[in-house]
C-alpha atoms as a PDB file:
ATOM      1  CA  MET A   1       0.000   0.000   0.000  1.00  0.00           C
ATOM      2  CA  ALA A   2       1.275   3.449  -0.821  1.00  0.00           C
ATOM      3  CA  THR A   3       2.378   5.905   1.858  1.00  0.00           C
ATOM      4  CA  GLY A   4      -0.470   8.384   1.164  1.00  0.00           C
ATOM      5  CA  PRO A   5      -3.431   6.018   1.620  1.00  0.00           C
ATOM      6  CA  ASP A   6      -1.695   4.417   4.626  1.00  0.00           C
ATOM      7  CA  VAL A   7      -1.537   7.805   6.386  1.00  0.00           C
ATOM      8  CA  HIS A   8      -5.239   8.475   5.675  1.00  0.00           C
ATOM      9  CA  VAL A   9      -6.185   5.060   7.074  1.00  0.00           C
ATOM     10  CA  ARG A  10      -4.251   5.710  10.294  1.00  0.00           C
ATOM     11  CA  ILE A  11      -5.759   9.181  10.723  1.00  0.00           C
ATOM     12  CA  CYS A  12      -9.271   7.814  10.157  1.00  0.00           C
ATOM     13  CA  GLY A  13      -8.638   5.029  12.690  1.00  0.00           C
ATOM     14  CA  GLN A  14      -7.423   7.557  15.271  1.00  0.00           C
ATOM     15  CA  GLU A  15     -10.546   9.693  14.786  1.00  0.00           C
ATOM     16  CA  ILE A  16     -12.763   6.624  15.224  1.00  0.00           C
ATOM     17  CA  ILE A  17     -11.000   5.788  18.498  1.00  0.00           C
ATOM     18  CA  LYS A  18     -11.393   9.423  19.644  1.00  0.00           C
ATOM     19  CA  TYR A  19     -15.160   9.398  18.980  1.00  0.00           C
ATOM     20  CA  ASP A  20     -15.452   6.010  20.694  1.00  0.00           C
ATOM     21  CA  LEU A  21     -13.786   7.359  23.847  1.00  0.00           C
ATOM     22  CA  GLU A  22     -15.925  10.513  23.796  1.00  0.00           C
ATOM     23  CA  ILE A  23     -19.085   8.395  23.504  1.00  0.00           C
ATOM     24  CA  LYS A  24     -17.977   6.210  26.431  1.00  0.00           C
ATOM     25  CA  ALA A  25     -17.367   9.313  28.558  1.00  0.00           C
ATOM     26  CA  LEU A  26     -20.805  10.750  27.714  1.00  0.00           C
ATOM     27  CA  ILE A  27     -22.484   7.418  28.470  1.00  0.00           C
ATOM     28  CA  GLN A  28     -20.783   7.388  31.854  1.00  0.00           C
ATOM     29  CA  ASP A  29     -22.016  10.947  32.476  1.00  0.00           C
ATOM     30  CA  ILE A  30     -25.567   9.827  31.609  1.00  0.00           C
ATOM     31  CA  GLY A  31     -25.352   6.924  34.036  1.00  0.00           C
ATOM     32  CA  GLU A  32     -24.253   9.284  36.800  1.00  0.00           C
ATOM     33  CA  CYS A  33     -26.590  12.140  35.860  1.00  0.00           C
ATOM     34  CA  PRO A  34     -28.722  13.166  38.868  1.00  0.00           C
ATOM     35  CA  GLY A  35     -31.058  15.289  36.731  1.00  0.00           C
ATOM     36  CA  PRO A  36     -32.831  17.423  35.848  1.00  0.00           C
ATOM     37  CA  GLN A  37     -34.354  16.103  32.655  1.00  0.00           C
ATOM     38  CA  SER A  38     -32.920  18.976  30.610  1.00  0.00           C
ATOM     39  CA  GLU A  39     -29.390  17.862  31.463  1.00  0.00           C
ATOM     40  CA  LEU A  40     -30.176  14.282  30.417  1.00  0.00           C
ATOM     41  CA  THR A  41     -31.652  15.528  27.155  1.00  0.00           C
ATOM     42  CA  ASP A  42     -28.537  17.597  26.476  1.00  0.00           C
ATOM     43  CA  LEU A  43     -26.257  14.609  27.133  1.00  0.00           C
ATOM     44  CA  ASN A  44     -28.317  12.382  24.823  1.00  0.00           C
ATOM     45  CA  SER A  45     -28.109  14.990  22.060  1.00  0.00           C
ATOM     46  CA  LYS A  46     -24.329  14.996  22.357  1.00  0.00           C
ATOM     47  CA  VAL A  47     -24.230  11.181  22.218  1.00  0.00           C
ATOM     48  CA  LYS A  48     -26.365  11.162  19.057  1.00  0.00           C
ATOM     49  CA  GLU A  49     -24.031  13.670  17.428  1.00  0.00           C
ATOM     50  CA  LYS A  50     -20.952  11.613  18.316  1.00  0.00           C
ATOM     51  CA  PHE A  51     -22.581   8.411  17.030  1.00  0.00           C
ATOM     52  CA  SER A  52     -23.362  10.157  13.749  1.00  0.00           C
ATOM     53  CA  LEU A  53     -19.746  11.280  13.341  1.00  0.00           C
ATOM     54  CA  LEU A  54     -18.494   7.812  14.304  1.00  0.00           C
ATOM     55  CA  ARG A  55     -20.673   6.087  11.687  1.00  0.00           C
ATOM     56  CA  LEU A  56     -19.420   8.460   8.975  1.00  0.00           C
ATOM     57  CA  ARG A  57     -15.770   7.784   9.800  1.00  0.00           C
ATOM     58  CA  ILE A  58     -16.349   4.011   9.859  1.00  0.00           C
ATOM     59  CA  GLN A  59     -17.956   4.293   6.428  1.00  0.00           C
ATOM     60  CA  ASP A  60     -14.946   6.327   5.243  1.00  0.00           C
ATOM     61  CA  LEU A  61     -12.596   3.620   6.530  1.00  0.00           C
ATOM     62  CA  GLU A  62     -14.607   0.947   4.703  1.00  0.00           C
ATOM     63  CA  GLN A  63     -14.375   2.955   1.472  1.00  0.00           C
ATOM     64  CA  MET A  64     -10.602   3.250   1.937  1.00  0.00           C
ATOM     65  CA  ALA A  65     -10.446  -0.542   2.296  1.00  0.00           C
ATOM     66  CA  LYS A  66     -12.237  -0.999  -1.030  1.00  0.00           C
ATOM     67  CA  GLU A  67      -9.754   1.347  -2.735  1.00  0.00           C
ATOM     68  CA  GLN A  68      -6.643  -0.595  -1.679  1.00  0.00           C
ATOM     69  CA  ASP A  69      -4.607  -2.308  -4.415  1.00  0.00           C
ATOM     70  CA  LYS A  70      -3.329  -5.196  -2.307  1.00  0.00           C
ATOM     71  CA  GLU A  71      -5.872  -7.784  -1.240  1.00  0.00           C
ATOM     72  CA  SER A  72      -4.066  -8.308   2.079  1.00  0.00           C
ATOM     73  CA  ASP A  73      -4.502  -4.582   2.874  1.00  0.00           C
ATOM     74  CA  LYS A  74      -8.198  -4.757   1.972  1.00  0.00           C
ATOM     75  CA  LEU A  75      -8.789  -7.708   4.286  1.00  0.00           C
ATOM     76  CA  SER A  76      -6.817  -6.106   7.134  1.00  0.00           C
ATOM     77  CA  ILE A  77      -8.724  -2.816   6.981  1.00  0.00           C
ATOM     78  CA  MET A  78     -12.106  -4.576   6.574  1.00  0.00           C
ATOM     79  CA  SER A  79     -11.319  -6.581   9.723  1.00  0.00           C
ATOM     80  CA  GLU A  80     -10.622  -3.287  11.533  1.00  0.00           C
ATOM     81  CA  VAL A  81     -13.937  -1.882  10.241  1.00  0.00           C
ATOM     82  CA  GLU A  82     -15.864  -4.865  11.609  1.00  0.00           C
ATOM     83  CA  GLY A  83     -14.161  -4.428  14.995  1.00  0.00           C
ATOM     84  CA  HIS A  84     -15.196  -0.762  15.165  1.00  0.00           C
ATOM     85  CA  ARG A  85     -18.779  -1.668  14.254  1.00  0.00           C
ATOM     86  CA  ARG A  86     -18.968  -4.266  17.004  1.00  0.00           C
ATOM     87  CA  GLN A  87     -17.639  -1.685  19.466  1.00  0.00           C
ATOM     88  CA  MET A  88     -20.247   0.822  18.301  1.00  0.00           C
ATOM     89  CA  LEU A  89     -23.030  -1.712  18.910  1.00  0.00           C
ATOM     90  CA  SER A  90     -21.630  -2.328  22.396  1.00  0.00           C
ATOM     91  CA  ASN A  91     -21.707   1.427  23.060  1.00  0.00           C
ATOM     92  CA  GLN A  92     -25.319   1.594  21.909  1.00  0.00           C
ATOM     93  CA  THR A  93     -26.257  -1.111  24.410  1.00  0.00           C
ATOM     94  CA  ALA A  94     -24.390   0.729  27.178  1.00  0.00           C
ATOM     95  CA  TRP A  95     -26.156   3.953  26.171  1.00  0.00           C
ATOM     96  CA  ARG A  96     -29.570   2.346  26.600  1.00  0.00           C
ATOM     97  CA  LYS A  97     -28.620   0.924  30.004  1.00  0.00           C
ATOM     98  CA  ALA A  98     -27.245   4.280  31.176  1.00  0.00           C
ATOM     99  CA  ASN A  99     -30.498   6.015  30.206  1.00  0.00           C
ATOM    100  CA  LEU A 100     -32.530   3.446  32.104  1.00  0.00           C
ATOM    101  CA  ALA A 101     -30.333   3.935  35.181  1.00  0.00           C
ATOM    102  CA  CYS A 102     -30.656   7.718  34.944  1.00  0.00           C
ATOM    103  CA  LYS A 103     -34.429   7.527  34.544  1.00  0.00           C
ATOM    104  CA  LEU A 104     -34.658   5.273  37.584  1.00  0.00           C
ATOM    105  CA  SER A 105     -32.614   7.766  39.595  1.00  0.00           C
ATOM    106  CA  ILE A 106     -34.782  10.693  38.493  1.00  0.00           C
ATOM    107  CA  ASP A 107     -37.926   8.668  39.229  1.00  0.00           C
ATOM    108  CA  ASN A 108     -36.703   7.957  42.757  1.00  0.00           C
ATOM    109  CA  GLN A 109     -36.028  11.654  43.260  1.00  0.00           C
ATOM    110  CA  GLU A 110     -39.550  12.453  42.113  1.00  0.00           C
ATOM    111  CA  LYS A 111     -40.947   9.997  44.633  1.00  0.00           C
ATOM    112  CA  GLU A 112     -39.041  11.763  47.382  1.00  0.00           C
ATOM    113  CA  GLU A 113     -40.283  15.124  46.175  1.00  0.00           C
ATOM    114  CA  LEU A 114     -43.841  13.766  46.031  1.00  0.00           C
ATOM    115  CA  ILE A 115     -43.622  12.696  49.638  1.00  0.00           C
ATOM    116  CA  HIS A 116     -42.312  16.084  50.774  1.00  0.00           C
ATOM    117  CA  GLY A 117     -43.627  18.492  48.175  1.00  0.00           C
ATOM    118  CA  GLY A 118     -47.342  17.797  47.720  1.00  0.00           C
ATOM    119  CA  ASP A 119     -49.317  18.731  44.620  1.00  0.00           C
ATOM    120  CA  SER A 120     -46.539  20.806  43.090  1.00  0.00           C
ATOM    121  CA  SER A 121     -44.265  17.761  43.061  1.00  0.00           C
ATOM    122  CA  VAL A 122     -47.010  15.662  41.488  1.00  0.00           C
ATOM    123  CA  ARG A 123     -47.326  18.096  38.594  1.00  0.00           C
ATOM    124  CA  ASN A 124     -43.536  18.182  38.161  1.00  0.00           C
ATOM    125  CA  ARG A 125     -43.423  14.433  38.221  1.00  0.00           C
ATOM    126  CA  LYS A 126     -46.048  14.152  35.492  1.00  0.00           C
ATOM    127  CA  ALA A 127     -44.159  16.639  33.351  1.00  0.00           C
ATOM    128  CA  THR A 128     -40.891  14.804  33.944  1.00  0.00           C
ATOM    129  CA  LYS A 129     -42.454  11.458  33.086  1.00  0.00           C
ATOM    130  CA  GLU A 130     -43.831  12.823  29.850  1.00  0.00           C
ATOM    131  CA  SER A 131     -40.422  14.203  29.000  1.00  0.00           C
ATOM    132  CA  LEU A 132     -38.786  10.876  29.876  1.00  0.00           C
ATOM    133  CA  VAL A 133     -41.257   9.002  27.705  1.00  0.00           C
ATOM    134  CA  GLN A 134     -40.467  11.327  24.806  1.00  0.00           C
ATOM    135  CA  THR A 135     -36.722  10.917  25.367  1.00  0.00           C
ATOM    136  CA  SER A 136     -37.086   7.142  25.550  1.00  0.00           C
ATOM    137  CA  SER A 137     -39.078   7.183  22.317  1.00  0.00           C
ATOM    138  CA  ASP A 138     -36.433   9.308  20.608  1.00  0.00           C
ATOM    139  CA  ILE A 139     -33.639   7.020  21.781  1.00  0.00           C
ATOM    140  CA  THR A 140     -35.531   3.912  20.677  1.00  0.00           C
ATOM    141  CA  GLU A 141     -36.159   5.419  17.259  1.00  0.00           C
ATOM    142  CA  SER A 142     -32.497   6.399  16.979  1.00  0.00           C
ATOM    143  CA  LEU A 143     -31.346   2.918  17.961  1.00  0.00           C
ATOM    144  CA  MET A 144     -33.691   1.327  15.430  1.00  0.00           C
ATOM    145  CA  SER A 145     -32.321   3.626  12.739  1.00  0.00           C
ATOM    146  CA  ILE A 146     -28.774   2.746  13.744  1.00  0.00           C
ATOM    147  CA  SER A 147     -29.669  -0.962  13.750  1.00  0.00           C
ATOM    148  CA  ARG A 148     -31.082  -0.750  10.226  1.00  0.00           C
ATOM    149  CA  MET A 149     -28.033   1.128   9.019  1.00  0.00           C
ATOM    150  CA  MET A 150     -25.709  -1.386  10.669  1.00  0.00           C
ATOM    151  CA  SER A 151     -27.610  -4.231   9.017  1.00  0.00           C
ATOM    152  CA  GLN A 152     -27.106  -2.601   5.623  1.00  0.00           C
ATOM    153  CA  GLN A 153     -23.439  -1.994   6.332  1.00  0.00           C
ATOM    154  CA  VAL A 154     -22.934  -5.602   7.444  1.00  0.00           C
ATOM    155  CA  GLN A 155     -24.562  -6.792   4.220  1.00  0.00           C
ATOM    156  CA  GLN A 156     -22.288  -4.494   2.210  1.00  0.00           C
ATOM    157  CA  SER A 157     -19.286  -5.837   4.119  1.00  0.00           C
ATOM    158  CA  GLU A 158     -20.322  -9.410   3.343  1.00  0.00           C
ATOM    159  CA  GLU A 159     -20.618  -8.535  -0.335  1.00  0.00           C
ATOM    160  CA  THR A 160     -17.203  -6.868  -0.237  1.00  0.00           C
ATOM    161  CA  MET A 161     -15.621  -9.891   1.450  1.00  0.00           C
ATOM    162  CA  SER A 162     -17.246 -12.177  -1.134  1.00  0.00           C
ATOM    163  CA  SER A 163     -15.899  -9.948  -3.912  1.00  0.00           C
ATOM    164  CA  LEU A 164     -12.427 -10.047  -2.393  1.00  0.00           C
ATOM    165  CA  ALA A 165     -12.573 -13.846  -2.128  1.00  0.00           C
ATOM    166  CA  THR A 166     -13.632 -14.076  -5.785  1.00  0.00           C
ATOM    167  CA  SER A 167     -10.823 -11.707  -6.737  1.00  0.00           C
ATOM    168  CA  SER A 168      -8.358 -13.883  -4.825  1.00  0.00           C
ATOM    169  CA  ARG A 169      -9.498 -16.999  -6.664  1.00  0.00           C
ATOM    170  CA  THR A 170      -9.217 -15.161  -9.984  1.00  0.00           C
ATOM    171  CA  VAL A 171      -5.659 -14.083  -9.169  1.00  0.00           C
ATOM    172  CA  LEU A 172      -4.718 -17.650  -8.249  1.00  0.00           C
ATOM    173  CA  GLU A 173      -6.284 -19.027 -11.443  1.00  0.00           C
ATOM    174  CA  THR A 174      -4.486 -16.397 -13.525  1.00  0.00           C
ATOM    175  CA  ASN A 175      -1.223 -17.286 -11.832  1.00  0.00           C
ATOM    176  CA  GLU A 176      -1.762 -20.965 -12.659  1.00  0.00           C
ATOM    177  CA  GLU A 177      -2.521 -20.033 -16.271  1.00  0.00           C
ATOM    178  CA  PHE A 178       0.688 -17.994 -16.443  1.00  0.00           C
ATOM    179  CA  LYS A 179       2.635 -20.978 -15.117  1.00  0.00           C
ATOM    180  CA  ALA A 180       1.040 -23.236 -17.729  1.00  0.00           C
ATOM    181  CA  MET A 181       1.796 -20.693 -20.475  1.00  0.00           C
ATOM    182  CA  THR A 182       5.402 -20.441 -19.273  1.00  0.00           C
ATOM    183  CA  GLY A 183       5.762 -24.225 -19.497  1.00  0.00           C
ATOM    184  CA  THR A 184       4.261 -24.211 -22.989  1.00  0.00           C
ATOM    185  CA  ILE A 185       6.611 -21.428 -24.126  1.00  0.00           C
ATOM    186  CA  GLN A 186       9.633 -23.270 -22.747  1.00  0.00           C
ATOM    187  CA  LEU A 187       8.542 -26.473 -24.505  1.00  0.00           C
ATOM    188  CA  GLY A 188       8.045 -24.526 -27.750  1.00  0.00           C
ATOM    189  CA  ARG A 189      11.501 -23.001 -27.393  1.00  0.00           C
ATOM    190  CA  LYS A 190      13.045 -26.476 -26.989  1.00  0.00           C
ATOM    191  CA  LEU A 191      11.185 -27.746 -30.056  1.00  0.00           C
ATOM    192  CA  ILE A 192      12.296 -24.741 -32.130  1.00  0.00           C
ATOM    193  CA  THR A 193      15.917 -25.313 -31.070  1.00  0.00           C
ATOM    194  CA  LYS A 194      15.593 -28.994 -31.956  1.00  0.00           C
ATOM    195  CA  TYR A 195      14.108 -28.187 -35.384  1.00  0.00           C
ATOM    196  CA  ASN A 196      16.861 -25.621 -36.051  1.00  0.00           C
ATOM    197  CA  ARG A 197      19.498 -28.260 -35.311  1.00  0.00           C
ATOM    198  CA  ARG A 198      17.731 -30.789 -37.516  1.00  0.00           C
ATOM    199  CA  GLU A 199      17.477 -28.201 -40.315  1.00  0.00           C
ATOM    200  CA  PHE A 200      21.233 -27.594 -40.123  1.00  0.00           C
ATOM    201  CA  THR A 201      21.899 -31.334 -40.210  1.00  0.00           C
ATOM    202  CA  ASP A 202      19.588 -31.763 -43.224  1.00  0.00           C
ATOM    203  CA  LYS A 203      21.322 -28.911 -45.065  1.00  0.00           C
ATOM    204  CA  LEU A 204      24.725 -30.447 -44.369  1.00  0.00           C
ATOM    205  CA  LEU A 205      23.591 -33.858 -45.615  1.00  0.00           C
ATOM    206  CA  ILE A 206      22.121 -32.289 -48.770  1.00  0.00           C
ATOM    207  CA  PHE A 207      25.362 -30.414 -49.385  1.00  0.00           C
ATOM    208  CA  LEU A 208      27.437 -33.572 -48.933  1.00  0.00           C
ATOM    209  CA  ALA A 209      25.086 -35.528 -51.226  1.00  0.00           C
ATOM    210  CA  LEU A 210      25.317 -32.774 -53.844  1.00  0.00           C
ATOM    211  CA  ALA A 211      29.107 -32.717 -53.572  1.00  0.00           C
ATOM    212  CA  LEU A 212      29.230 -36.495 -53.950  1.00  0.00           C
ATOM    213  CA  PHE A 213      26.928 -36.308 -56.970  1.00  0.00           C
ATOM    214  CA  LEU A 214      29.076 -33.647 -58.645  1.00  0.00           C
ATOM    215  CA  ALA A 215      32.216 -35.593 -57.909  1.00  0.00           C
ATOM    216  CA  THR A 216      30.635 -38.673 -59.455  1.00  0.00           C
ATOM    217  CA  VAL A 217      29.598 -36.745 -62.579  1.00  0.00           C
ATOM    218  CA  LEU A 218      33.061 -35.264 -62.942  1.00  0.00           C
ATOM    219  CA  TYR A 219      34.622 -38.672 -62.543  1.00  0.00           C
ATOM    220  CA  ILE A 220      32.406 -40.169 -65.246  1.00  0.00           C
ATOM    221  CA  LEU A 221      33.093 -37.294 -67.629  1.00  0.00           C
ATOM    222  CA  LYS A 222      36.779 -37.635 -67.002  1.00  0.00           C
ATOM    223  CA  LYS A 223      36.755 -41.313 -67.802  1.00  0.00           C
ATOM    224  CA  ARG A 224      34.796 -40.805 -71.023  1.00  0.00           C
ATOM    225  CA  LEU A 225      36.465 -37.685 -72.328  1.00  0.00           C
ATOM    226  CA  PHE A 226      39.955 -38.262 -71.087  1.00  0.00           C
ATOM    227  CA  PRO A 227      40.356 -41.970 -70.672  1.00  0.00           C
ATOM    228  CA  PHE A 228      44.119 -41.698 -71.073  1.00  0.00           C
ATOM    229  CA  ILE A 229      44.456 -39.502 -67.974  1.00  0.00           C
END
């Protein structure tokens, strides 16, 4: 692989790792978030943004894999892509769990406020629950969208791997054909050399036969025309 593409692959991989760490930190903040709901909503918005950036960079890395000239480089980068996708799915699961933990914490706080705060706390609790339901719905919809996109990307990866395997078989078959052609060329070269030698031998024999014939003719003429010599 050339130096240029190799640098781009490394930079893309570093950015993916950076987004992964940022997502993990935000998920931890969500799990430890004491409220209010507005803070949870803000954290979830940041996580969505980071997931979006992460998916784009993973797609960029996959495209770089497809553009590699060496099959070994393609397979290596595609393996890295699959690892990042598995890590992203793990982060999505952790994100859901962190939201559930945060909602439970906020719900417990509302219960305490209900006990000590009367009707005002009840109204706040209802408003918070409605907000939580909306947030949960948004997260679920986002996860479903991510799941569908991941399914499509996995299918594309499978097609790419199948294409690479087919390409590998084609290269091997071509190599075998080249070997067979090389053997045929070498055999042809030996036959041509053999025929050239035989042609030289035939020419020499013809020349000797012609010389013998001329000598015989001259001898006969000599005996007839100059018998006294």
